[in-house]
Amino acid sequence: MEKNIISDLNRCNIDFTDEKGSDIPSAYLKFSRLKSKYEVEYGVVDGSGKTIVPLRKMYFKKEDGVGKELGLRLFGVGGPVELD
């Protein structure tokens, strides 16, 4: 599930890199399985550690569309806490 979501996220028009620098933001993603659904915690900081997108959580039952939704949220676009 996690691999599929990351693959969908990589298909978004975002240039991901492993490089570090003062002008390169870093994204944080942490996936967890709960009783009847999944949770992803996400956030973004700039190269100096300043918060760009504060840590937030999103809950989902199916992985369909989660990667694309995360792509939007990593750029500060909000959405519902729980996806259908």
PDB file of N, CA and C in Angstrom:
ATOM      1  N   MET A   1       0.825  -1.184   0.000  1.00  0.00           N
ATOM      2  CA  MET A   1       0.000   0.000   0.000  1.00  0.00           C
ATOM      3  C   MET A   1       0.874   1.255   0.000  1.00  0.00           C
ATOM      4  N   GLU A   2       1.842   1.278   0.888  1.00  0.00           N
ATOM      5  CA  GLU A   2       2.732   2.437   0.989  1.00  0.00           C
ATOM      6  C   GLU A   2       3.494   2.657  -0.325  1.00  0.00           C
ATOM      7  N   LYS A   3       4.021   1.576  -0.891  1.00  0.00           N
ATOM      8  CA  LYS A   3       4.758   1.663  -2.157  1.00  0.00           C
ATOM      9  C   LYS A   3       3.882   2.220  -3.269  1.00  0.00           C
ATOM     10  N   ASN A   4       2.637   1.767  -3.343  1.00  0.00           N
ATOM     11  CA  ASN A   4       1.712   2.233  -4.386  1.00  0.00           C
ATOM     12  C   ASN A   4       1.412   3.719  -4.229  1.00  0.00           C
ATOM     13  N   ILE A   5       1.239   4.169  -3.005  1.00  0.00           N
ATOM     14  CA  ILE A   5       0.960   5.584  -2.757  1.00  0.00           C
ATOM     15  C   ILE A   5       2.175   6.432  -3.138  1.00  0.00           C
ATOM     16  N   ILE A   6       3.364   5.993  -2.755  1.00  0.00           N
ATOM     17  CA  ILE A   6       4.589   6.721  -3.099  1.00  0.00           C
ATOM     18  C   ILE A   6       4.773   6.733  -4.622  1.00  0.00           C
ATOM     19  N   SER A   7       4.468   5.632  -5.300  1.00  0.00           N
ATOM     20  CA  SER A   7       4.555   5.591  -6.770  1.00  0.00           C
ATOM     21  C   SER A   7       3.609   6.610  -7.390  1.00  0.00           C
ATOM     22  N   ASP A   8       2.374   6.682  -6.881  1.00  0.00           N
ATOM     23  CA  ASP A   8       1.416   7.678  -7.380  1.00  0.00           C
ATOM     24  C   ASP A   8       1.924   9.095  -7.119  1.00  0.00           C
ATOM     25  N   LEU A   9       2.491   9.310  -5.957  1.00  0.00           N
ATOM     26  CA  LEU A   9       3.037  10.627  -5.612  1.00  0.00           C
ATOM     27  C   LEU A   9       4.187  10.983  -6.555  1.00  0.00           C
ATOM     28  N   ASN A  10       5.031  10.026  -6.875  1.00  0.00           N
ATOM     29  CA  ASN A  10       6.147  10.268  -7.797  1.00  0.00           C
ATOM     30  C   ASN A  10       5.679  10.566  -9.218  1.00  0.00           C
ATOM     31  N   ARG A  11       4.476  10.121  -9.568  1.00  0.00           N
ATOM     32  CA  ARG A  11       3.925  10.412 -10.898  1.00  0.00           C
ATOM     33  C   ARG A  11       3.334  11.821 -10.992  1.00  0.00           C
ATOM     34  N   CYS A  12       3.209  12.493  -9.853  1.00  0.00           N
ATOM     35  CA  CYS A  12       2.779  13.894  -9.870  1.00  0.00           C
ATOM     36  C   CYS A  12       3.919  14.723 -10.461  1.00  0.00           C
ATOM     37  N   ASN A  13       3.643  15.895 -10.906  1.00  0.00           N
ATOM     38  CA  ASN A  13       4.667  16.727 -11.544  1.00  0.00           C
ATOM     39  C   ASN A  13       5.486  17.476 -10.487  1.00  0.00           C
ATOM     40  N   ILE A  14       6.174  16.681  -9.628  1.00  0.00           N
ATOM     41  CA  ILE A  14       7.001  17.221  -8.560  1.00  0.00           C
ATOM     42  C   ILE A  14       8.405  16.670  -8.760  1.00  0.00           C
ATOM     43  N   ASP A  15       9.402  17.507  -8.674  1.00  0.00           N
ATOM     44  CA  ASP A  15      10.784  17.092  -8.857  1.00  0.00           C
ATOM     45  C   ASP A  15      11.382  16.727  -7.500  1.00  0.00           C
ATOM     46  N   PHE A  16      11.295  15.440  -7.126  1.00  0.00           N
ATOM     47  CA  PHE A  16      11.850  14.964  -5.866  1.00  0.00           C
ATOM     48  C   PHE A  16      13.335  14.710  -6.027  1.00  0.00           C
ATOM     49  N   THR A  17      14.112  14.972  -4.974  1.00  0.00           N
ATOM     50  CA  THR A  17      15.557  14.760  -4.994  1.00  0.00           C
ATOM     51  C   THR A  17      16.032  14.356  -3.610  1.00  0.00           C
ATOM     52  N   ASP A  18      17.180  13.713  -3.553  1.00  0.00           N
ATOM     53  CA  ASP A  18      17.796  13.381  -2.265  1.00  0.00           C
ATOM     54  C   ASP A  18      18.794  14.452  -1.834  1.00  0.00           C
ATOM     55  N   GLU A  19      18.982  15.465  -2.685  1.00  0.00           N
ATOM     56  CA  GLU A  19      19.923  16.539  -2.375  1.00  0.00           C
ATOM     57  C   GLU A  19      19.422  17.366  -1.196  1.00  0.00           C
ATOM     58  N   LYS A  20      20.358  17.986  -0.520  1.00  0.00           N
ATOM     59  CA  LYS A  20      20.018  18.890   0.580  1.00  0.00           C
ATOM     60  C   LYS A  20      20.600  20.252   0.271  1.00  0.00           C
ATOM     61  N   GLY A  21      19.949  21.285   0.746  1.00  0.00           N
ATOM     62  CA  GLY A  21      20.430  22.638   0.537  1.00  0.00           C
ATOM     63  C   GLY A  21      19.471  23.633   1.145  1.00  0.00           C
ATOM     64  N   SER A  22      19.927  24.862   1.264  1.00  0.00           N
ATOM     65  CA  SER A  22      19.109  25.884   1.917  1.00  0.00           C
ATOM     66  C   SER A  22      17.863  26.238   1.118  1.00  0.00           C
ATOM     67  N   ASP A  23      17.879  25.957  -0.174  1.00  0.00           N
ATOM     68  CA  ASP A  23      16.713  26.298  -1.001  1.00  0.00           C
ATOM     69  C   ASP A  23      15.905  25.063  -1.402  1.00  0.00           C
ATOM     70  N   ILE A  24      16.178  23.908  -0.768  1.00  0.00           N
ATOM     71  CA  ILE A  24      15.468  22.669  -1.095  1.00  0.00           C
ATOM     72  C   ILE A  24      14.626  22.247   0.111  1.00  0.00           C
ATOM     73  N   PRO A  25      13.299  22.258  -0.024  1.00  0.00           N
ATOM     74  CA  PRO A  25      12.448  21.824   1.080  1.00  0.00           C
ATOM     75  C   PRO A  25      12.511  20.310   1.268  1.00  0.00           C
ATOM     76  N   SER A  26      12.165  19.856   2.465  1.00  0.00           N
ATOM     77  CA  SER A  26      12.110  18.430   2.794  1.00  0.00           C
ATOM     78  C   SER A  26      10.695  18.063   3.199  1.00  0.00           C
ATOM     79  N   ALA A  27      10.210  16.963   2.637  1.00  0.00           N
ATOM     80  CA  ALA A  27       8.876  16.468   2.977  1.00  0.00           C
ATOM     81  C   ALA A  27       9.012  15.329   3.982  1.00  0.00           C
ATOM     82  N   TYR A  28       8.067  15.262   4.894  1.00  0.00           N
ATOM     83  CA  TYR A  28       8.010  14.215   5.910  1.00  0.00           C
ATOM     84  C   TYR A  28       6.725  13.435   5.689  1.00  0.00           C
ATOM     85  N   LEU A  29       6.827  12.103   5.580  1.00  0.00           N
ATOM     86  CA  LEU A  29       5.660  11.229   5.458  1.00  0.00           C
ATOM     87  C   LEU A  29       5.832  10.056   6.413  1.00  0.00           C
ATOM     88  N   LYS A  30       4.789   9.752   7.156  1.00  0.00           N
ATOM     89  CA  LYS A  30       4.811   8.589   8.050  1.00  0.00           C
ATOM     90  C   LYS A  30       3.461   7.888   7.932  1.00  0.00           C
ATOM     91  N   PHE A  31       3.487   6.640   7.489  1.00  0.00           N
ATOM     92  CA  PHE A  31       2.271   5.850   7.318  1.00  0.00           C
ATOM     93  C   PHE A  31       2.072   4.945   8.521  1.00  0.00           C
ATOM     94  N   SER A  32       0.805   4.789   8.945  1.00  0.00           N
ATOM     95  CA  SER A  32       0.455   3.900  10.051  1.00  0.00           C
ATOM     96  C   SER A  32      -0.854   3.194   9.730  1.00  0.00           C
ATOM     97  N   ARG A  33      -0.964   1.968  10.194  1.00  0.00           N
ATOM     98  CA  ARG A  33      -2.222   1.229  10.056  1.00  0.00           C
ATOM     99  C   ARG A  33      -2.968   1.324  11.378  1.00  0.00           C
ATOM    100  N   LEU A  34      -4.218   1.733  11.296  1.00  0.00           N
ATOM    101  CA  LEU A  34      -5.080   1.788  12.469  1.00  0.00           C
ATOM    102  C   LEU A  34      -6.041   0.612  12.395  1.00  0.00           C
ATOM    103  N   LYS A  35      -7.017   0.540  13.269  1.00  0.00           N
ATOM    104  CA  LYS A  35      -7.942  -0.605  13.282  1.00  0.00           C
ATOM    105  C   LYS A  35      -8.649  -0.803  11.949  1.00  0.00           C
ATOM    106  N   SER A  36      -9.385   0.194  11.498  1.00  0.00           N
ATOM    107  CA  SER A  36     -10.193   0.023  10.288  1.00  0.00           C
ATOM    108  C   SER A  36      -9.770   0.945   9.148  1.00  0.00           C
ATOM    109  N   LYS A  37      -8.652   1.654   9.309  1.00  0.00           N
ATOM    110  CA  LYS A  37      -8.199   2.572   8.263  1.00  0.00           C
ATOM    111  C   LYS A  37      -6.699   2.810   8.405  1.00  0.00           C
ATOM    112  N   TYR A  38      -6.188   3.627   7.525  1.00  0.00           N
ATOM    113  CA  TYR A  38      -4.770   3.989   7.524  1.00  0.00           C
ATOM    114  C   TYR A  38      -4.624   5.479   7.830  1.00  0.00           C
ATOM    115  N   GLU A  39      -3.433   5.837   8.293  1.00  0.00           N
ATOM    116  CA  GLU A  39      -3.130   7.227   8.597  1.00  0.00           C
ATOM    117  C   GLU A  39      -1.806   7.577   7.927  1.00  0.00           C
ATOM    118  N   VAL A  40      -1.747   8.783   7.387  1.00  0.00           N
ATOM    119  CA  VAL A  40      -0.462   9.304   6.926  1.00  0.00           C
ATOM    120  C   VAL A  40      -0.282  10.663   7.585  1.00  0.00           C
ATOM    121  N   GLU A  41       0.872  10.831   8.217  1.00  0.00           N
ATOM    122  CA  GLU A  41       1.238  12.116   8.802  1.00  0.00           C
ATOM    123  C   GLU A  41       2.218  12.754   7.823  1.00  0.00           C
ATOM    124  N   TYR A  42       2.033  14.017   7.528  1.00  0.00           N
ATOM    125  CA  TYR A  42       2.863  14.683   6.525  1.00  0.00           C
ATOM    126  C   TYR A  42       3.164  16.107   6.940  1.00  0.00           C
ATOM    127  N   GLY A  43       4.254  16.630   6.397  1.00  0.00           N
ATOM    128  CA  GLY A  43       4.650  18.008   6.642  1.00  0.00           C
ATOM    129  C   GLY A  43       5.826  18.361   5.751  1.00  0.00           C
ATOM    130  N   VAL A  44       6.130  19.653   5.661  1.00  0.00           N
ATOM    131  CA  VAL A  44       7.228  20.131   4.825  1.00  0.00           C
ATOM    132  C   VAL A  44       7.969  21.230   5.569  1.00  0.00           C
ATOM    133  N   VAL A  45       9.305  21.161   5.536  1.00  0.00           N
ATOM    134  CA  VAL A  45      10.153  22.216   6.099  1.00  0.00           C
ATOM    135  C   VAL A  45      11.107  22.700   5.012  1.00  0.00           C
ATOM    136  N   ASP A  46      11.555  23.957   5.133  1.00  0.00           N
ATOM    137  CA  ASP A  46      12.532  24.463   4.161  1.00  0.00           C
ATOM    138  C   ASP A  46      13.925  23.995   4.567  1.00  0.00           C
ATOM    139  N   GLY A  47      14.929  24.364   3.786  1.00  0.00           N
ATOM    140  CA  GLY A  47      16.301  23.915   4.021  1.00  0.00           C
ATOM    141  C   GLY A  47      16.874  24.308   5.365  1.00  0.00           C
ATOM    142  N   SER A  48      16.329  25.366   5.978  1.00  0.00           N
ATOM    143  CA  SER A  48      16.826  25.793   7.290  1.00  0.00           C
ATOM    144  C   SER A  48      15.992  25.218   8.432  1.00  0.00           C
ATOM    145  N   GLY A  49      14.979  24.391   8.113  1.00  0.00           N
ATOM    146  CA  GLY A  49      14.147  23.780   9.139  1.00  0.00           C
ATOM    147  C   GLY A  49      12.882  24.541   9.478  1.00  0.00           C
ATOM    148  N   LYS A  50      12.633  25.659   8.789  1.00  0.00           N
ATOM    149  CA  LYS A  50      11.418  26.440   9.032  1.00  0.00           C
ATOM    150  C   LYS A  50      10.211  25.712   8.419  1.00  0.00           C
ATOM    151  N   THR A  51       9.137  25.648   9.175  1.00  0.00           N
ATOM    152  CA  THR A  51       7.941  24.940   8.736  1.00  0.00           C
ATOM    153  C   THR A  51       7.272  25.660   7.568  1.00  0.00           C
ATOM    154  N   ILE A  52       7.033  24.916   6.514  1.00  0.00           N
ATOM    155  CA  ILE A  52       6.273  25.422   5.373  1.00  0.00           C
ATOM    156  C   ILE A  52       4.851  24.881   5.446  1.00  0.00           C
ATOM    157  N   VAL A  53       4.732  23.569   5.618  1.00  0.00           N
ATOM    158  CA  VAL A  53       3.438  22.915   5.833  1.00  0.00           C
ATOM    159  C   VAL A  53       3.546  22.196   7.167  1.00  0.00           C
ATOM    160  N   PRO A  54       2.775  22.643   8.173  1.00  0.00           N
ATOM    161  CA  PRO A  54       2.878  22.018   9.494  1.00  0.00           C
ATOM    162  C   PRO A  54       2.436  20.553   9.449  1.00  0.00           C
ATOM    163  N   LEU A  55       2.901  19.763  10.425  1.00  0.00           N
ATOM    164  CA  LEU A  55       2.511  18.361  10.488  1.00  0.00           C
ATOM    165  C   LEU A  55       0.996  18.243  10.588  1.00  0.00           C
ATOM    166  N   ARG A  56       0.472  17.432   9.707  1.00  0.00           N
ATOM    167  CA  ARG A  56      -0.972  17.177   9.672  1.00  0.00           C
ATOM    168  C   ARG A  56      -1.174  15.693   9.449  1.00  0.00           C
ATOM    169  N   LYS A  57      -2.393  15.237   9.653  1.00  0.00           N
ATOM    170  CA  LYS A  57      -2.730  13.834   9.435  1.00  0.00           C
ATOM    171  C   LYS A  57      -3.884  13.720   8.457  1.00  0.00           C
ATOM    172  N   MET A  58      -3.858  12.645   7.696  1.00  0.00           N
ATOM    173  CA  MET A  58      -4.938  12.328   6.773  1.00  0.00           C
ATOM    174  C   MET A  58      -5.249  10.842   6.956  1.00  0.00           C
ATOM    175  N   TYR A  59      -6.518  10.495   6.962  1.00  0.00           N
ATOM    176  CA  TYR A  59      -6.957   9.123   7.159  1.00  0.00           C
ATOM    177  C   TYR A  59      -7.636   8.630   5.889  1.00  0.00           C
ATOM    178  N   PHE A  60      -7.446   7.332   5.587  1.00  0.00           N
ATOM    179  CA  PHE A  60      -8.054   6.758   4.390  1.00  0.00           C
ATOM    180  C   PHE A  60      -8.229   5.253   4.573  1.00  0.00           C
ATOM    181  N   LYS A  61      -9.173   4.698   3.825  1.00  0.00           N
ATOM    182  CA  LYS A  61      -9.415   3.253   3.851  1.00  0.00           C
ATOM    183  C   LYS A  61      -8.842   2.580   2.619  1.00  0.00           C
ATOM    184  N   LYS A  62      -8.880   3.267   1.469  1.00  0.00           N
ATOM    185  CA  LYS A  62      -8.351   2.718   0.217  1.00  0.00           C
ATOM    186  C   LYS A  62      -7.247   3.636  -0.278  1.00  0.00           C
ATOM    187  N   GLU A  63      -6.248   3.072  -0.937  1.00  0.00           N
ATOM    188  CA  GLU A  63      -5.098   3.852  -1.400  1.00  0.00           C
ATOM    189  C   GLU A  63      -5.382   4.661  -2.658  1.00  0.00           C
ATOM    190  N   ASP A  64      -6.484   4.395  -3.340  1.00  0.00           N
ATOM    191  CA  ASP A  64      -6.803   5.090  -4.589  1.00  0.00           C
ATOM    192  C   ASP A  64      -6.866   6.599  -4.382  1.00  0.00           C
ATOM    193  N   GLY A  65      -6.035   7.329  -5.118  1.00  0.00           N
ATOM    194  CA  GLY A  65      -6.045   8.784  -5.090  1.00  0.00           C
ATOM    195  C   GLY A  65      -5.267   9.417  -3.947  1.00  0.00           C
ATOM    196  N   VAL A  66      -4.742   8.615  -3.030  1.00  0.00           N
ATOM    197  CA  VAL A  66      -4.038   9.164  -1.870  1.00  0.00           C
ATOM    198  C   VAL A  66      -2.730   9.838  -2.297  1.00  0.00           C
ATOM    199  N   GLY A  67      -1.997   9.245  -3.239  1.00  0.00           N
ATOM    200  CA  GLY A  67      -0.742   9.836  -3.705  1.00  0.00           C
ATOM    201  C   GLY A  67      -0.951  11.215  -4.310  1.00  0.00           C
ATOM    202  N   LYS A  68      -1.961  11.347  -5.145  1.00  0.00           N
ATOM    203  CA  LYS A  68      -2.258  12.647  -5.756  1.00  0.00           C
ATOM    204  C   LYS A  68      -2.695  13.659  -4.701  1.00  0.00           C
ATOM    205  N   GLU A  69      -3.486  13.205  -3.756  1.00  0.00           N
ATOM    206  CA  GLU A  69      -3.937  14.086  -2.670  1.00  0.00           C
ATOM    207  C   GLU A  69      -2.745  14.561  -1.839  1.00  0.00           C
ATOM    208  N   LEU A  70      -1.815  13.661  -1.546  1.00  0.00           N
ATOM    209  CA  LEU A  70      -0.614  14.049  -0.803  1.00  0.00           C
ATOM    210  C   LEU A  70       0.214  15.059  -1.587  1.00  0.00           C
ATOM    211  N   GLY A  71       0.296  14.874  -2.908  1.00  0.00           N
ATOM    212  CA  GLY A  71       1.019  15.826  -3.742  1.00  0.00           C
ATOM    213  C   GLY A  71       0.487  17.239  -3.574  1.00  0.00           C
ATOM    214  N   LEU A  72      -0.814  17.374  -3.515  1.00  0.00           N
ATOM    215  CA  LEU A  72      -1.427  18.691  -3.310  1.00  0.00           C
ATOM    216  C   LEU A  72      -1.144  19.219  -1.903  1.00  0.00           C
ATOM    217  N   ARG A  73      -1.281  18.354  -0.930  1.00  0.00           N
ATOM    218  CA  ARG A  73      -1.123  18.777   0.466  1.00  0.00           C
ATOM    219  C   ARG A  73       0.310  19.173   0.807  1.00  0.00           C
ATOM    220  N   LEU A  74       1.291  18.566   0.139  1.00  0.00           N
ATOM    221  CA  LEU A  74       2.680  18.942   0.380  1.00  0.00           C
ATOM    222  C   LEU A  74       2.966  20.359  -0.096  1.00  0.00           C
ATOM    223  N   PHE A  75       2.068  20.896  -0.917  1.00  0.00           N
ATOM    224  CA  PHE A  75       2.177  22.291  -1.364  1.00  0.00           C
ATOM    225  C   PHE A  75       1.206  23.202  -0.628  1.00  0.00           C
ATOM    226  N   GLY A  76       0.636  22.706   0.462  1.00  0.00           N
ATOM    227  CA  GLY A  76      -0.203  23.543   1.309  1.00  0.00           C
ATOM    228  C   GLY A  76      -1.672  23.582   0.943  1.00  0.00           C
ATOM    229  N   VAL A  77      -2.082  22.799  -0.058  1.00  0.00           N
ATOM    230  CA  VAL A  77      -3.496  22.743  -0.420  1.00  0.00           C
ATOM    231  C   VAL A  77      -4.188  21.871   0.618  1.00  0.00           C
ATOM    232  N   GLY A  78      -5.191  22.397   1.256  1.00  0.00           N
ATOM    233  CA  GLY A  78      -5.892  21.659   2.307  1.00  0.00           C
ATOM    234  C   GLY A  78      -6.880  20.670   1.727  1.00  0.00           C
ATOM    235  N   GLY A  79      -7.512  19.956   2.592  1.00  0.00           N
ATOM    236  CA  GLY A  79      -8.517  18.978   2.201  1.00  0.00           C
ATOM    237  C   GLY A  79      -9.107  18.351   3.440  1.00  0.00           C
ATOM    238  N   PRO A  80     -10.052  17.432   3.231  1.00  0.00           N
ATOM    239  CA  PRO A  80     -10.675  16.782   4.385  1.00  0.00           C
ATOM    240  C   PRO A  80      -9.670  15.917   5.134  1.00  0.00           C
ATOM    241  N   VAL A  81      -9.877  15.753   6.411  1.00  0.00           N
ATOM    242  CA  VAL A  81      -8.988  14.939   7.233  1.00  0.00           C
ATOM    243  C   VAL A  81      -9.141  13.462   6.835  1.00  0.00           C
ATOM    244  N   GLU A  82     -10.334  13.057   6.412  1.00  0.00           N
ATOM    245  CA  GLU A  82     -10.570  11.676   6.041  1.00  0.00           C
ATOM    246  C   GLU A  82     -11.043  11.600   4.598  1.00  0.00           C
ATOM    247  N   LEU A  83     -10.355  10.759   3.814  1.00  0.00           N
ATOM    248  CA  LEU A  83     -10.749  10.519   2.421  1.00  0.00           C
ATOM    249  C   LEU A  83     -11.665   9.318   2.361  1.00  0.00           C
ATOM    250  N   ASP A  84     -12.620   9.354   1.471  1.00  0.00           N
ATOM    251  CA  ASP A  84     -13.515   8.197   1.284  1.00  0.00           C
ATOM    252  C   ASP A  84     -12.895   7.144   0.426  1.00  0.00           C
TER     253      ASP A  84
END
